[in-house]
C-alpha atoms as a PDB file:
ATOM      1  CA  UNK A   1      55.978 175.984 210.257  1.00  0.00           C
ATOM      2  CA  UNK A   2      52.715 177.837 209.850  1.00  0.00           C
ATOM      3  CA  UNK A   3      50.944 179.891 207.291  1.00  0.00           C
ATOM      4  CA  UNK A   4      51.853 183.567 207.150  1.00  0.00           C
ATOM      5  CA  UNK A   5      49.110 185.698 208.652  1.00  0.00           C
ATOM      6  CA  UNK A   6      47.577 188.751 207.010  1.00  0.00           C
ATOM      7  CA  UNK A   7      47.886 192.247 208.480  1.00  0.00           C
ATOM      8  CA  UNK A   8      46.087 195.495 207.798  1.00  0.00           C
ATOM      9  CA  UNK A   9      48.450 196.432 204.937  1.00  0.00           C
ATOM     10  CA  UNK A  10      47.016 196.173 201.419  1.00  0.00           C
ATOM     11  CA  UNK A  11      47.610 193.020 199.396  1.00  0.00           C
ATOM     12  CA  UNK A  12      50.237 192.963 196.657  1.00  0.00           C
ATOM     13  CA  UNK A  13      49.776 191.486 193.192  1.00  0.00           C
ATOM     14  CA  UNK A  14      52.128 188.584 192.438  1.00  0.00           C
ATOM     15  CA  UNK A  15      51.002 187.281 189.040  1.00  0.00           C
ATOM     16  CA  UNK A  16      48.016 187.197 186.703  1.00  0.00           C
ATOM     17  CA  UNK A  17      46.209 183.862 186.996  1.00  0.00           C
ATOM     18  CA  UNK A  18      46.404 183.149 183.219  1.00  0.00           C
ATOM     19  CA  UNK A  19      50.224 183.375 183.442  1.00  0.00           C
ATOM     20  CA  UNK A  20      50.185 180.321 185.722  1.00  0.00           C
ATOM     21  CA  UNK A  21      49.257 177.138 183.854  1.00  0.00           C
ATOM     22  CA  UNK A  22      46.653 174.960 185.600  1.00  0.00           C
ATOM     23  CA  UNK A  23      48.608 172.276 187.467  1.00  0.00           C
ATOM     24  CA  UNK A  24      51.825 174.223 186.966  1.00  0.00           C
ATOM     25  CA  UNK A  25      54.281 176.194 189.039  1.00  0.00           C
ATOM     26  CA  UNK A  26      55.712 179.687 188.988  1.00  0.00           C
ATOM     27  CA  UNK A  27      58.423 181.383 191.011  1.00  0.00           C
ATOM     28  CA  UNK A  28      57.862 184.953 192.177  1.00  0.00           C
ATOM     29  CA  UNK A  29      59.661 187.305 194.538  1.00  0.00           C
ATOM     30  CA  UNK A  30      57.863 188.844 197.516  1.00  0.00           C
ATOM     31  CA  UNK A  31      58.684 190.527 200.813  1.00  0.00           C
ATOM     32  CA  UNK A  32      57.814 188.223 203.726  1.00  0.00           C
ATOM     33  CA  UNK A  33      58.438 189.351 207.307  1.00  0.00           C
ATOM     34  CA  UNK A  34      60.576 192.198 205.917  1.00  0.00           C
ATOM     35  CA  UNK A  35      62.826 189.929 203.816  1.00  0.00           C
ATOM     36  CA  UNK A  36      62.847 189.400 200.046  1.00  0.00           C
ATOM     37  CA  UNK A  37      61.876 185.774 199.468  1.00  0.00           C
ATOM     38  CA  UNK A  38      61.417 183.438 196.527  1.00  0.00           C
ATOM     39  CA  UNK A  39      57.946 181.862 196.469  1.00  0.00           C
ATOM     40  CA  UNK A  40      56.619 178.811 194.673  1.00  0.00           C
ATOM     41  CA  UNK A  41      53.082 179.229 193.352  1.00  0.00           C
ATOM     42  CA  UNK A  42      51.024 176.204 192.329  1.00  0.00           C
ATOM     43  CA  UNK A  43      47.745 176.544 190.471  1.00  0.00           C
ATOM     44  CA  UNK A  44      44.902 174.065 190.908  1.00  0.00           C
ATOM     45  CA  UNK A  45      42.013 175.387 188.816  1.00  0.00           C
ATOM     46  CA  UNK A  46      41.008 178.759 190.255  1.00  0.00           C
ATOM     47  CA  UNK A  47      42.928 178.116 193.485  1.00  0.00           C
ATOM     48  CA  UNK A  48      46.592 178.995 194.043  1.00  0.00           C
ATOM     49  CA  UNK A  49      48.809 177.768 196.871  1.00  0.00           C
ATOM     50  CA  UNK A  50      52.139 179.332 197.797  1.00  0.00           C
ATOM     51  CA  UNK A  51      55.177 178.256 199.770  1.00  0.00           C
ATOM     52  CA  UNK A  52      58.621 179.649 200.425  1.00  0.00           C
ATOM     53  CA  UNK A  53      61.011 178.254 197.814  1.00  0.00           C
ATOM     54  CA  UNK A  54      63.102 176.589 200.530  1.00  0.00           C
ATOM     55  CA  UNK A  55      63.444 172.858 201.149  1.00  0.00           C
ATOM     56  CA  UNK A  56      63.203 172.056 204.878  1.00  0.00           C
ATOM     57  CA  UNK A  57      65.968 169.441 204.483  1.00  0.00           C
ATOM     58  CA  UNK A  58      68.933 171.691 203.744  1.00  0.00           C
ATOM     59  CA  UNK A  59      67.492 175.167 203.229  1.00  0.00           C
ATOM     60  CA  UNK A  60      68.144 175.171 199.480  1.00  0.00           C
ATOM     61  CA  UNK A  61      65.793 176.317 196.727  1.00  0.00           C
ATOM     62  CA  UNK A  62      63.593 173.604 195.254  1.00  0.00           C
ATOM     63  CA  UNK A  63      63.841 174.697 191.606  1.00  0.00           C
ATOM     64  CA  UNK A  64      66.507 173.136 189.366  1.00  0.00           C
ATOM     65  CA  UNK A  65      66.843 176.425 187.456  1.00  0.00           C
ATOM     66  CA  UNK A  66      65.157 179.755 188.289  1.00  0.00           C
ATOM     67  CA  UNK A  67      61.401 179.156 188.077  1.00  0.00           C
ATOM     68  CA  UNK A  68      61.792 175.563 186.798  1.00  0.00           C
ATOM     69  CA  UNK A  69      60.349 172.899 189.092  1.00  0.00           C
ATOM     70  CA  UNK A  70      60.262 169.108 188.905  1.00  0.00           C
ATOM     71  CA  UNK A  71      56.933 167.303 189.255  1.00  0.00           C
ATOM     72  CA  UNK A  72      56.478 163.532 189.414  1.00  0.00           C
ATOM     73  CA  UNK A  73      53.909 161.575 187.411  1.00  0.00           C
ATOM     74  CA  UNK A  74      52.024 161.256 190.710  1.00  0.00           C
ATOM     75  CA  UNK A  75      51.852 165.050 190.990  1.00  0.00           C
ATOM     76  CA  UNK A  76      54.465 165.622 193.696  1.00  0.00           C
ATOM     77  CA  UNK A  77      56.812 168.613 193.763  1.00  0.00           C
ATOM     78  CA  UNK A  78      60.429 167.380 193.918  1.00  0.00           C
ATOM     79  CA  UNK A  79      63.394 169.230 195.388  1.00  0.00           C
ATOM     80  CA  UNK A  80      66.067 169.322 192.702  1.00  0.00           C
ATOM     81  CA  UNK A  81      68.909 169.213 195.266  1.00  0.00           C
ATOM     82  CA  UNK A  82      68.173 166.032 197.248  1.00  0.00           C
ATOM     83  CA  UNK A  83      64.956 164.575 195.820  1.00  0.00           C
ATOM     84  CA  UNK A  84      62.552 165.301 198.679  1.00  0.00           C
ATOM     85  CA  UNK A  85      58.963 164.972 197.403  1.00  0.00           C
ATOM     86  CA  UNK A  86      56.122 167.221 198.561  1.00  0.00           C
ATOM     87  CA  UNK A  87      52.371 166.837 198.123  1.00  0.00           C
ATOM     88  CA  UNK A  88      50.640 169.926 196.784  1.00  0.00           C
ATOM     89  CA  UNK A  89      47.774 170.457 199.225  1.00  0.00           C
ATOM     90  CA  UNK A  90      49.664 171.166 202.444  1.00  0.00           C
ATOM     91  CA  UNK A  91      53.275 171.041 201.197  1.00  0.00           C
ATOM     92  CA  UNK A  92      54.048 167.978 203.322  1.00  0.00           C
ATOM     93  CA  UNK A  93      57.209 166.000 202.528  1.00  0.00           C
ATOM     94  CA  UNK A  94      56.095 162.441 201.761  1.00  0.00           C
ATOM     95  CA  UNK A  95      59.430 160.997 200.566  1.00  0.00           C
ATOM     96  CA  UNK A  96      63.099 161.817 200.883  1.00  0.00           C
ATOM     97  CA  UNK A  97      65.407 163.219 203.545  1.00  0.00           C
ATOM     98  CA  UNK A  98      62.853 165.515 205.218  1.00  0.00           C
ATOM     99  CA  UNK A  99      59.862 163.122 205.337  1.00  0.00           C
ATOM    100  CA  UNK A 100      57.315 164.404 207.848  1.00  0.00           C
ATOM    101  CA  UNK A 101      58.358 168.063 207.541  1.00  0.00           C
ATOM    102  CA  UNK A 102      56.527 170.644 205.415  1.00  0.00           C
ATOM    103  CA  UNK A 103      57.175 173.591 203.174  1.00  0.00           C
ATOM    104  CA  UNK A 104      56.359 176.951 204.802  1.00  0.00           C
ATOM    105  CA  UNK A 105      52.986 178.071 203.449  1.00  0.00           C
ATOM    106  CA  UNK A 106      52.439 181.699 202.483  1.00  0.00           C
ATOM    107  CA  UNK A 107      48.925 183.163 202.362  1.00  0.00           C
ATOM    108  CA  UNK A 108      47.788 184.234 198.885  1.00  0.00           C
ATOM    109  CA  UNK A 109      44.392 184.834 197.339  1.00  0.00           C
ATOM    110  CA  UNK A 110      42.929 185.054 193.855  1.00  0.00           C
ATOM    111  CA  UNK A 111      40.781 188.075 193.045  1.00  0.00           C
ATOM    112  CA  UNK A 112      39.670 189.362 189.642  1.00  0.00           C
ATOM    113  CA  UNK A 113      42.029 186.993 187.803  1.00  0.00           C
ATOM    114  CA  UNK A 114      45.088 188.115 189.812  1.00  0.00           C
ATOM    115  CA  UNK A 115      47.066 186.376 192.574  1.00  0.00           C
ATOM    116  CA  UNK A 116      47.796 188.560 195.588  1.00  0.00           C
ATOM    117  CA  UNK A 117      50.076 188.131 198.569  1.00  0.00           C
ATOM    118  CA  UNK A 118      48.297 188.573 201.872  1.00  0.00           C
ATOM    119  CA  UNK A 119      50.673 191.064 203.507  1.00  0.00           C
ATOM    120  CA  UNK A 120      52.432 190.043 206.659  1.00  0.00           C
END
């Protein structure tokens, strides 16, 4: 699964950077490939990564409640349904039922203190 690619359409604002705690997660809705999708945003300083909020193991959302995500002491994102654990650089599953698979990355960028979806 690859990163969504930008097109010529303008970017869309997802969230203000200060609303996303450093090291934390947020869930936002966005249109990806024409479909409304739930996204996971993770902030690492001034950088934000985004993935579809879908576990590759069983296609379920990763949050245990809307916008509430589990994170291990080691800093891994954990799927609330079956315990798959994902590292936060590439979204690779490092433990659990989908080890070796990855979350589907979505292209975002930070500009002027705002996080934008790169339109696809």
